[in-house]
Amino acid sequence: ILLIDDDTTLLMYLKDELEKEDWVVMAIADSERAIASYYDLDPDCVIIDIHMKKHNGFDVLQILKEKMKQRFIPTIMISIDDTKKTRMLSYQLGADDFIRKPLEMDEFIVRIKRQLERKQSIDELILIDELTRVYNRKYLKQSYERLFSNLERRNECFSMVMIDLDNFKKVNDTYGHITGDKVLAKLADELRNGLRMSDVIIRYGGEEILILLPETDRENAKNIIERILQSFSAVAFTYEDKQFSCTFSAGVHEVTIGEPDLQENIEKVDGALYEAKNNGKNQVRLAVGNQVEVSRKKLHIGIIDDDPIIRTMLVDLISKGSYKGKYEIDIQSFKDGMEFFDAKWHLNNEPYLIILDGIMPRMDGLEVLQKIRKLPNKERFTIMMLTSRNSEQDILRALQYGADDYITKPFKLLELEFRLNHLIKRMV
């Protein structure tokens, strides 16, 4: 759930109450930052206060509705002003519900649950990805099982292809997410035009597309995808008065009778894809049987805390977490903010997750947070604050300065791991 409200006291209260329902709540006080990070947050429900200083809530609603016009994401407007004019304008601009403040929490929660249930029902009914008009992941299992059955019964070979747009984050950052959506939609068009009716195209996630090619061995699959890569890279995209082109990288794996497991085959085709990425992008690579070594995305995690026990505990938790094996993890710990900045470890142009204690000697957590948010490419940093239960003012300031999440001490390790998993999913 994405909460947008510049009243940080209310944000804290709502976040605490809604998380009692086991929802992940991202509370953002700066409406501009909420809009900019909307795609990365990928919320299931958005709650917007109408009266804010920087942006009127209706402006935020209109901007977000433009961004999510290809998807159903329920939005709830909240306001102390419940005049008929305000309510009608909320619904005219696309809000799914309007709730008057002060909020009655039990009713508020029921109405959020109803919106989440609506979204789940709609998502379960739809097998087509709204943006690209290709299948979504719900269609993968049944398609794979049908092709594998044909392989076993008739010895009909088939291949899997994983495609990933090159430098797609740069496209979004430079030209905007709406332009990025157009690039994705055009890639889907090129795939439809270059493939057969019997081939299955699935939007696997983000900018990744998985293709199942019946009765196609790996060499033929590679040749087909290389032809599509050539035609797609020749497409000229326009943003304002600028033109640019895009490429993709791809991995190809031919499935054999001895390897029925879908997830294992996805890992193999993923490995070939990352070989293509690591060897210069804009190319198609073949997976080599069972010997392919899956190249993993790098994940930088920094822990800044003056308590050596907390540092050790967090390093151990992350090292053994569920992301172990999925990513190449680079964990560094620092006893304070000065040591963190002096190390210059954070200067690579890659994503970083920073776990930051609020109270430290020499340079406290809020100073570190402010300094990070003034760095070039500050969007590379995802920041979780560790705070004390009696430090309400520090939490308020952390939200104002741009913390992505916070957790109060003492915290449960399972809760912390759950929150870290969510932040990491956003980053990569």
Protein backbone atom coordinates (compact mmCIF):
# COMPACT_ATOMS: atom_id res chain seq x y z
CA ILE A 1 0.00 0.00 0.00
CA LEU A 2 1.35 3.42 -0.96
CA LEU A 3 0.39 6.23 1.46
CA ILE A 4 0.88 9.81 0.24
CA ASP A 5 0.38 12.59 2.78
CA ASP A 6 2.61 15.43 3.97
CA ASP A 7 1.14 15.14 7.49
CA THR A 8 3.92 12.92 8.85
CA THR A 9 2.20 12.35 12.19
CA LEU A 10 -0.82 10.88 10.40
CA LEU A 11 1.48 8.92 8.08
CA MET A 12 3.17 7.24 11.05
CA TYR A 13 -0.16 6.42 12.68
CA LEU A 14 -1.69 4.97 9.49
CA LYS A 15 1.43 2.98 8.67
CA ASP A 16 1.48 1.40 12.13
CA GLU A 17 -2.24 0.57 12.06
CA LEU A 18 -2.31 -0.84 8.52
CA GLU A 19 0.78 -2.96 9.08
CA LYS A 20 -1.12 -4.75 11.86
CA GLU A 21 -3.07 -6.28 8.94
CA ASP A 22 0.20 -7.74 7.56
CA TRP A 23 0.24 -5.25 4.68
CA VAL A 24 3.49 -3.71 3.47
CA VAL A 25 2.96 0.03 3.77
CA MET A 26 5.23 2.58 2.10
CA ALA A 27 4.59 6.00 3.66
CA ILE A 28 5.86 8.96 1.63
CA ALA A 29 5.50 12.55 2.80
CA ASP A 30 6.86 14.14 -0.40
CA SER A 31 4.27 13.81 -3.17
CA GLU A 32 6.85 14.49 -5.90
CA ARG A 33 9.02 11.63 -4.66
CA ALA A 34 5.96 9.36 -4.46
CA ILE A 35 5.14 10.13 -8.09
CA ALA A 36 8.75 9.62 -9.21
CA SER A 37 9.08 6.27 -7.41
CA TYR A 38 5.60 4.96 -8.24
CA TYR A 39 6.75 2.42 -10.85
CA ASP A 40 9.43 1.04 -8.55
CA LEU A 41 7.00 0.74 -5.64
CA ASP A 42 4.43 -1.09 -7.80
CA PRO A 43 1.64 -0.74 -5.20
CA ASP A 44 -1.60 -2.73 -5.02
CA CYS A 45 -3.49 0.23 -3.55
CA VAL A 46 -2.78 3.98 -3.32
CA ILE A 47 -4.13 6.26 -0.59
CA ILE A 48 -3.83 10.02 -1.20
CA ASP A 49 -4.66 12.96 1.04
CA ILE A 50 -6.33 15.73 -0.96
CA HIS A 51 -4.89 18.70 0.92
CA MET A 52 -1.08 18.85 0.73
CA LYS A 53 1.31 21.78 0.46
CA LYS A 54 3.40 20.89 -2.62
CA HIS A 55 0.74 19.13 -4.68
CA ASN A 56 -3.00 19.13 -4.40
CA GLY A 57 -4.07 15.51 -3.97
CA PHE A 58 -6.19 15.77 -7.11
CA ASP A 59 -3.06 16.67 -9.11
CA VAL A 60 -1.29 13.59 -7.70
CA LEU A 61 -4.32 11.43 -8.56
CA GLN A 62 -4.38 12.67 -12.16
CA ILE A 63 -0.65 12.09 -12.63
CA LEU A 64 -0.82 8.58 -11.17
CA LYS A 65 -3.94 7.67 -13.17
CA GLU A 66 -2.04 8.61 -16.32
CA LYS A 67 0.83 6.37 -15.23
CA MET A 68 -1.41 3.43 -14.35
CA LYS A 69 -3.93 3.66 -17.15
CA GLN A 70 -2.79 0.26 -18.45
CA ARG A 71 -3.41 -1.43 -15.06
CA PHE A 72 -6.06 -1.55 -12.37
CA ILE A 73 -4.63 -0.13 -9.15
CA PRO A 74 -7.34 1.11 -6.76
CA THR A 75 -6.94 4.62 -5.38
CA ILE A 76 -8.55 5.98 -2.22
CA MET A 77 -8.81 9.72 -1.53
CA ILE A 78 -8.95 10.94 2.07
CA SER A 79 -9.85 14.45 3.22
CA ILE A 80 -11.38 16.43 6.07
CA ASP A 81 -13.44 18.17 3.35
CA ASP A 82 -16.30 15.82 2.45
CA THR A 83 -18.48 18.26 0.56
CA LYS A 84 -20.39 16.86 -2.40
CA LYS A 85 -18.18 18.87 -4.78
CA THR A 86 -15.00 17.28 -3.38
CA ARG A 87 -16.46 13.78 -3.42
CA MET A 88 -17.73 14.12 -6.98
CA LEU A 89 -14.42 15.51 -8.23
CA SER A 90 -12.58 12.57 -6.62
CA TYR A 91 -14.73 10.08 -8.50
CA GLN A 92 -14.66 12.07 -11.76
CA LEU A 93 -10.85 12.02 -11.68
CA GLY A 94 -10.81 8.25 -11.24
CA ALA A 95 -10.72 7.58 -7.50
CA ASP A 96 -12.21 4.25 -6.45
CA ASP A 97 -13.25 5.46 -3.00
CA PHE A 98 -13.42 8.60 -0.88
CA ILE A 99 -13.11 8.47 2.92
CA ARG A 100 -13.65 11.42 5.25
CA LYS A 101 -11.14 12.37 7.95
CA PRO A 102 -10.93 11.86 10.85
CA LEU A 103 -10.77 8.21 9.87
CA GLU A 104 -12.61 5.49 11.71
CA MET A 105 -9.89 2.86 11.55
CA ASP A 106 -12.05 -0.27 11.55
CA GLU A 107 -14.13 1.01 8.61
CA PHE A 108 -11.02 2.34 6.86
CA ILE A 109 -9.40 -1.10 7.00
CA VAL A 110 -12.55 -2.85 5.74
CA ARG A 111 -12.75 -0.51 2.76
CA ILE A 112 -9.08 -1.01 1.90
CA LYS A 113 -9.57 -4.78 2.12
CA ARG A 114 -12.49 -4.50 -0.28
CA GLN A 115 -10.36 -2.64 -2.82
CA LEU A 116 -7.55 -5.20 -2.49
CA GLU A 117 -10.05 -8.03 -3.00
CA ARG A 118 -11.37 -6.31 -6.14
CA LYS A 119 -7.86 -6.01 -7.51
CA GLN A 120 -7.07 -9.65 -6.76
CA SER A 121 -10.29 -10.83 -8.44
CA ILE A 122 -9.60 -8.76 -11.56
CA ASP A 123 -5.95 -9.87 -11.71
CA GLU A 124 -6.98 -13.53 -11.45
CA LEU A 125 -9.46 -13.18 -14.32
CA ILE A 126 -6.98 -11.58 -16.69
CA LEU A 127 -4.39 -13.67 -18.53
CA ILE A 128 -3.31 -10.80 -20.79
CA ASP A 129 -0.80 -8.17 -19.68
CA GLU A 130 -2.56 -4.82 -20.11
CA LEU A 131 0.46 -2.89 -21.39
CA THR A 132 2.07 -5.28 -23.87
CA ARG A 133 -1.05 -7.31 -24.79
CA VAL A 134 0.93 -10.54 -24.48
CA TYR A 135 0.22 -13.24 -21.90
CA ASN A 136 1.11 -12.69 -18.25
CA ARG A 137 2.81 -15.19 -15.92
CA LYS A 138 -0.46 -16.92 -15.05
CA TYR A 139 -0.36 -18.52 -18.52
CA LEU A 140 3.18 -19.89 -18.15
CA LYS A 141 2.61 -23.07 -16.16
CA GLN A 142 -0.13 -24.50 -18.36
CA SER A 143 1.76 -23.63 -21.56
CA TYR A 144 4.97 -25.19 -20.30
CA GLU A 145 3.22 -28.37 -19.16
CA ARG A 146 1.52 -28.76 -22.55
CA LEU A 147 4.82 -28.45 -24.43
CA PHE A 148 6.64 -30.75 -22.04
CA SER A 149 3.89 -33.34 -22.46
CA ASN A 150 4.38 -33.16 -26.24
CA LEU A 151 8.12 -33.58 -25.72
CA GLU A 152 7.56 -36.75 -23.67
CA ARG A 153 4.83 -38.29 -25.84
CA ARG A 154 5.87 -37.25 -29.34
CA ASN A 155 9.47 -36.17 -28.87
CA GLU A 156 8.55 -32.68 -30.08
CA CYS A 157 11.42 -30.44 -28.97
CA PHE A 158 10.85 -26.92 -27.69
CA SER A 159 13.00 -24.01 -26.58
CA MET A 160 12.67 -21.25 -24.00
CA VAL A 161 13.90 -17.70 -24.51
CA MET A 162 14.30 -14.97 -21.89
CA ILE A 163 14.56 -11.41 -23.21
CA ASP A 164 15.54 -8.36 -21.17
CA LEU A 165 15.69 -4.78 -22.49
CA ASP A 166 19.15 -3.24 -22.26
CA ASN A 167 19.63 -0.15 -20.08
CA PHE A 168 15.87 0.11 -19.54
CA LYS A 169 16.21 1.99 -16.24
CA LYS A 170 18.21 4.66 -18.09
CA VAL A 171 15.40 4.94 -20.66
CA ASN A 172 12.86 5.47 -17.86
CA ASP A 173 15.09 7.95 -16.00
CA THR A 174 15.93 9.93 -19.16
CA TYR A 175 12.67 9.91 -21.10
CA GLY A 176 10.09 9.01 -18.44
CA HIS A 177 8.12 5.88 -17.64
CA ILE A 178 5.40 6.59 -20.20
CA THR A 179 8.04 6.49 -22.94
CA GLY A 180 9.46 3.34 -21.32
CA ASP A 181 6.01 1.77 -21.58
CA LYS A 182 5.94 2.60 -25.31
CA VAL A 183 9.31 0.85 -25.75
CA LEU A 184 7.99 -2.28 -24.01
CA ALA A 185 4.81 -2.25 -26.09
CA LYS A 186 6.84 -1.89 -29.29
CA LEU A 187 9.08 -4.81 -28.32
CA ALA A 188 5.94 -6.92 -27.87
CA ASP A 189 4.76 -5.83 -31.34
CA GLU A 190 8.10 -6.83 -32.90
CA LEU A 191 7.92 -10.23 -31.19
CA ARG A 192 4.36 -10.85 -32.41
CA ASN A 193 5.36 -9.88 -35.95
CA GLY A 194 8.50 -12.03 -35.91
CA LEU A 195 7.07 -15.18 -34.31
CA ARG A 196 4.46 -17.78 -35.22
CA MET A 197 0.91 -17.99 -33.90
CA SER A 198 1.88 -21.14 -32.00
CA ASP A 199 4.72 -19.41 -30.12
CA VAL A 200 3.85 -18.26 -26.61
CA ILE A 201 4.95 -14.77 -25.51
CA ILE A 202 4.74 -14.01 -21.78
CA ARG A 203 5.58 -10.82 -19.92
CA TYR A 204 7.59 -12.44 -17.15
CA GLY A 205 8.18 -9.31 -15.07
CA GLY A 206 9.17 -5.68 -15.57
CA GLU A 207 11.11 -5.52 -18.82
CA GLU A 208 11.64 -9.30 -19.04
CA ILE A 209 9.75 -11.38 -21.62
CA LEU A 210 9.75 -15.17 -21.70
CA ILE A 211 9.00 -17.00 -24.96
CA LEU A 212 8.15 -20.68 -25.51
CA LEU A 213 8.93 -21.91 -29.03
CA PRO A 214 7.29 -25.26 -29.87
CA GLU A 215 9.09 -27.66 -32.25
CA THR A 216 12.14 -25.41 -32.28
CA ASP A 217 15.65 -26.48 -31.34
CA ARG A 218 18.05 -24.05 -29.69
CA GLU A 219 19.99 -23.10 -32.83
CA ASN A 220 16.83 -22.20 -34.75
CA ALA A 221 15.50 -20.37 -31.69
CA LYS A 222 18.72 -18.33 -31.50
CA ASN A 223 18.48 -17.41 -35.19
CA ILE A 224 14.84 -16.33 -34.84
CA ILE A 225 15.53 -14.10 -31.84
CA GLU A 226 18.61 -12.57 -33.50
CA ARG A 227 16.46 -11.55 -36.49
CA ILE A 228 13.95 -9.90 -34.14
CA LEU A 229 16.78 -8.16 -32.26
CA GLN A 230 18.03 -6.72 -35.54
CA SER A 231 14.60 -5.36 -36.50
CA PHE A 232 13.86 -4.01 -33.01
CA SER A 233 17.21 -2.22 -32.70
CA ALA A 234 16.42 -0.37 -35.96
CA VAL A 235 13.23 1.16 -34.51
CA ALA A 236 13.52 4.91 -33.84
CA PHE A 237 11.74 6.12 -30.69
CA THR A 238 10.93 9.80 -30.21
CA TYR A 239 10.80 11.83 -27.01
CA GLU A 240 10.07 15.55 -27.51
CA ASP A 241 12.70 16.54 -30.12
CA LYS A 242 15.07 13.64 -29.41
CA GLN A 243 15.36 10.25 -31.09
CA PHE A 244 16.81 7.12 -29.56
CA SER A 245 16.91 3.38 -30.15
CA CYS A 246 16.89 0.35 -27.86
CA THR A 247 18.32 -3.15 -27.88
CA PHE A 248 17.76 -6.28 -25.83
CA SER A 249 19.76 -9.23 -24.57
CA ALA A 250 18.45 -12.78 -24.65
CA GLY A 251 19.20 -16.27 -23.40
CA VAL A 252 18.07 -19.47 -25.15
CA HIS A 253 17.65 -22.93 -23.64
CA GLU A 254 16.34 -26.09 -25.30
CA VAL A 255 14.37 -28.21 -22.85
CA THR A 256 15.12 -31.95 -22.74
CA ILE A 257 13.13 -34.92 -21.39
CA GLY A 258 15.46 -35.33 -18.43
CA GLU A 259 14.74 -31.85 -17.05
CA PRO A 260 11.01 -31.44 -16.38
CA ASP A 261 11.26 -28.79 -13.65
CA LEU A 262 10.06 -25.40 -14.92
CA GLN A 263 11.99 -23.34 -12.35
CA GLU A 264 15.28 -25.12 -13.10
CA ASN A 265 14.84 -24.42 -16.82
CA ILE A 266 14.05 -20.78 -16.11
CA GLU A 267 17.30 -20.56 -14.12
CA LYS A 268 19.21 -21.98 -17.09
CA VAL A 269 17.71 -19.59 -19.61
CA ASP A 270 18.27 -16.77 -17.07
CA GLY A 271 21.91 -17.78 -16.84
CA ALA A 272 22.31 -17.52 -20.60
CA LEU A 273 20.59 -14.11 -20.52
CA TYR A 274 23.02 -12.77 -17.92
CA GLU A 275 25.94 -14.12 -19.94
CA ALA A 276 24.63 -11.96 -22.77
CA LYS A 277 24.35 -8.98 -20.42
CA ASN A 278 27.81 -9.47 -18.98
CA ASN A 279 29.42 -9.80 -22.39
CA GLY A 280 28.29 -6.47 -23.79
CA LYS A 281 24.48 -6.75 -24.17
CA ASN A 282 22.66 -6.51 -27.53
CA GLN A 283 23.15 -10.23 -28.22
CA VAL A 284 21.67 -13.71 -27.86
CA ARG A 285 23.42 -16.44 -25.86
CA LEU A 286 22.80 -20.19 -25.65
CA ALA A 287 22.62 -22.02 -22.33
CA VAL A 288 25.06 -24.94 -22.23
CA GLY A 289 23.08 -27.92 -20.90
CA ASN A 290 23.41 -28.41 -17.16
CA GLN A 291 26.75 -26.64 -17.04
CA VAL A 292 25.46 -23.11 -17.34
CA GLU A 293 26.48 -21.00 -14.41
CA VAL A 294 23.83 -18.44 -13.56
CA SER A 295 25.28 -14.95 -13.41
CA ARG A 296 23.60 -13.05 -10.64
CA LYS A 297 22.68 -9.42 -10.19
CA LYS A 298 24.86 -7.59 -7.71
CA LEU A 299 23.24 -6.32 -4.56
CA HIS A 300 25.06 -3.74 -2.40
CA ILE A 301 23.84 -3.58 1.20
CA GLY A 302 25.37 -1.15 3.69
CA ILE A 303 24.76 -1.31 7.46
CA ILE A 304 25.53 1.86 9.41
CA ASP A 305 25.14 1.37 13.17
CA ASP A 306 27.40 2.12 16.11
CA ASP A 307 26.28 -1.05 17.94
CA PRO A 308 28.63 -3.93 16.94
CA ILE A 309 26.05 -6.52 18.05
CA ILE A 310 23.39 -5.04 15.75
CA ARG A 311 25.89 -4.89 12.87
CA THR A 312 26.89 -8.53 13.33
CA MET A 313 23.28 -9.64 13.65
CA LEU A 314 22.22 -7.82 10.48
CA VAL A 315 25.18 -9.13 8.45
CA ASP A 316 24.29 -12.66 9.57
CA LEU A 317 20.58 -12.18 8.77
CA ILE A 318 21.28 -10.87 5.28
CA SER A 319 23.95 -13.47 4.51
CA LYS A 320 21.52 -16.28 5.32
CA GLY A 321 18.38 -14.59 3.96
CA SER A 322 16.09 -15.81 1.20
CA TYR A 323 17.96 -13.63 -1.31
CA LYS A 324 21.06 -15.80 -0.82
CA GLY A 325 21.65 -17.57 -4.13
CA LYS A 326 19.46 -15.12 -6.08
CA TYR A 327 21.96 -12.25 -6.02
CA GLU A 328 25.66 -11.66 -5.65
CA ILE A 329 25.54 -9.91 -2.28
CA ASP A 330 28.08 -7.28 -1.29
CA ILE A 331 27.57 -6.46 2.42
CA GLN A 332 29.58 -3.77 4.16
CA SER A 333 29.11 -2.53 7.72
CA PHE A 334 30.18 0.81 9.19
CA LYS A 335 30.26 2.01 12.78
CA ASP A 336 29.08 5.52 11.88
CA GLY A 337 28.30 7.88 9.01
CA MET A 338 31.80 9.33 8.83
CA GLU A 339 33.30 5.88 8.24
CA PHE A 340 30.67 5.18 5.57
CA PHE A 341 31.43 8.32 3.55
CA ASP A 342 35.22 8.05 4.04
CA ALA A 343 35.19 4.50 2.61
CA LYS A 344 33.77 5.77 -0.74
CA TRP A 345 32.21 2.30 -1.14
CA HIS A 346 28.92 3.87 -2.18
CA LEU A 347 30.24 5.68 -5.26
CA ASN A 348 29.60 2.95 -7.85
CA ASN A 349 26.73 3.78 -10.19
CA GLU A 350 24.72 0.77 -8.93
CA PRO A 351 21.74 0.29 -6.56
CA TYR A 352 22.41 0.35 -2.82
CA LEU A 353 20.26 -0.61 0.15
CA ILE A 354 21.34 1.29 3.28
CA ILE A 355 20.20 0.17 6.74
CA LEU A 356 20.77 3.22 8.91
CA ASP A 357 20.60 3.68 12.67
CA GLY A 358 18.95 6.92 13.69
CA ILE A 359 21.19 7.76 16.66
CA MET A 360 24.99 7.56 16.30
CA PRO A 361 27.98 9.59 17.51
CA ARG A 362 29.81 12.10 15.29
CA MET A 363 27.18 11.99 12.51
CA ASP A 364 23.70 10.77 13.35
CA GLY A 365 21.43 8.85 11.01
CA LEU A 366 19.39 11.87 9.95
CA GLU A 367 22.55 13.71 8.89
CA VAL A 368 23.67 10.66 6.88
CA LEU A 369 20.20 10.45 5.27
CA GLN A 370 20.27 14.13 4.30
CA LYS A 371 23.75 13.82 2.85
CA ILE A 372 22.83 10.73 0.81
CA ARG A 373 19.74 12.46 -0.57
CA LYS A 374 21.96 15.30 -1.85
CA LEU A 375 24.25 12.95 -3.81
CA PRO A 376 24.10 12.75 -7.62
CA ASN A 377 21.84 9.86 -8.72
CA LYS A 378 20.33 9.81 -5.24
CA GLU A 379 17.60 7.49 -6.55
CA ARG A 380 20.21 4.68 -6.49
CA PHE A 381 19.85 4.56 -2.71
CA THR A 382 17.03 2.79 -0.88
CA ILE A 383 17.17 3.65 2.82
CA MET A 384 15.69 1.89 5.83
CA MET A 385 15.95 3.71 9.17
CA LEU A 386 16.29 1.90 12.51
CA THR A 387 14.64 4.03 15.20
CA SER A 388 13.65 3.85 18.87
CA ARG A 389 10.02 3.70 19.91
CA ASN A 390 10.41 6.96 21.84
CA SER A 391 11.93 8.83 18.88
CA GLU A 392 8.73 9.98 17.16
CA GLN A 393 10.29 13.26 16.05
CA ASP A 394 13.19 11.40 14.45
CA ILE A 395 10.75 9.20 12.51
CA LEU A 396 8.87 12.29 11.32
CA ARG A 397 12.10 13.91 10.13
CA ALA A 398 13.29 10.68 8.48
CA LEU A 399 10.09 10.55 6.41
CA GLN A 400 10.47 14.23 5.52
CA TYR A 401 14.11 13.73 4.47
CA GLY A 402 13.26 10.79 2.21
CA ALA A 403 13.65 7.51 4.10
CA ASP A 404 12.01 4.66 2.17
CA ASP A 405 11.00 2.72 5.27
CA TYR A 406 11.63 2.54 9.00
CA ILE A 407 11.42 -0.08 11.71
CA THR A 408 11.43 0.56 15.46
CA LYS A 409 13.74 -1.13 17.95
CA PRO A 410 13.47 -3.68 19.40
CA PHE A 411 12.35 -5.40 16.19
CA LYS A 412 11.58 -8.99 15.29
CA LEU A 413 14.06 -10.53 12.86
CA LEU A 414 11.28 -12.07 10.76
CA GLU A 415 9.60 -8.68 10.36
CA LEU A 416 12.90 -7.04 9.42
CA GLU A 417 13.66 -9.76 6.86
CA PHE A 418 10.18 -9.38 5.36
CA ARG A 419 10.66 -5.63 4.96
CA LEU A 420 14.14 -6.05 3.51
CA ASN A 421 12.78 -8.57 1.00
CA HIS A 422 10.22 -6.04 -0.16
CA LEU A 423 12.79 -3.24 -0.52
CA ILE A 424 15.22 -5.54 -2.38
CA LYS A 425 12.46 -6.61 -4.78
CA ARG A 426 11.90 -2.92 -5.60
CA MET A 427 15.62 -2.30 -6.15
CA VAL A 428 16.36 -5.16 -8.53
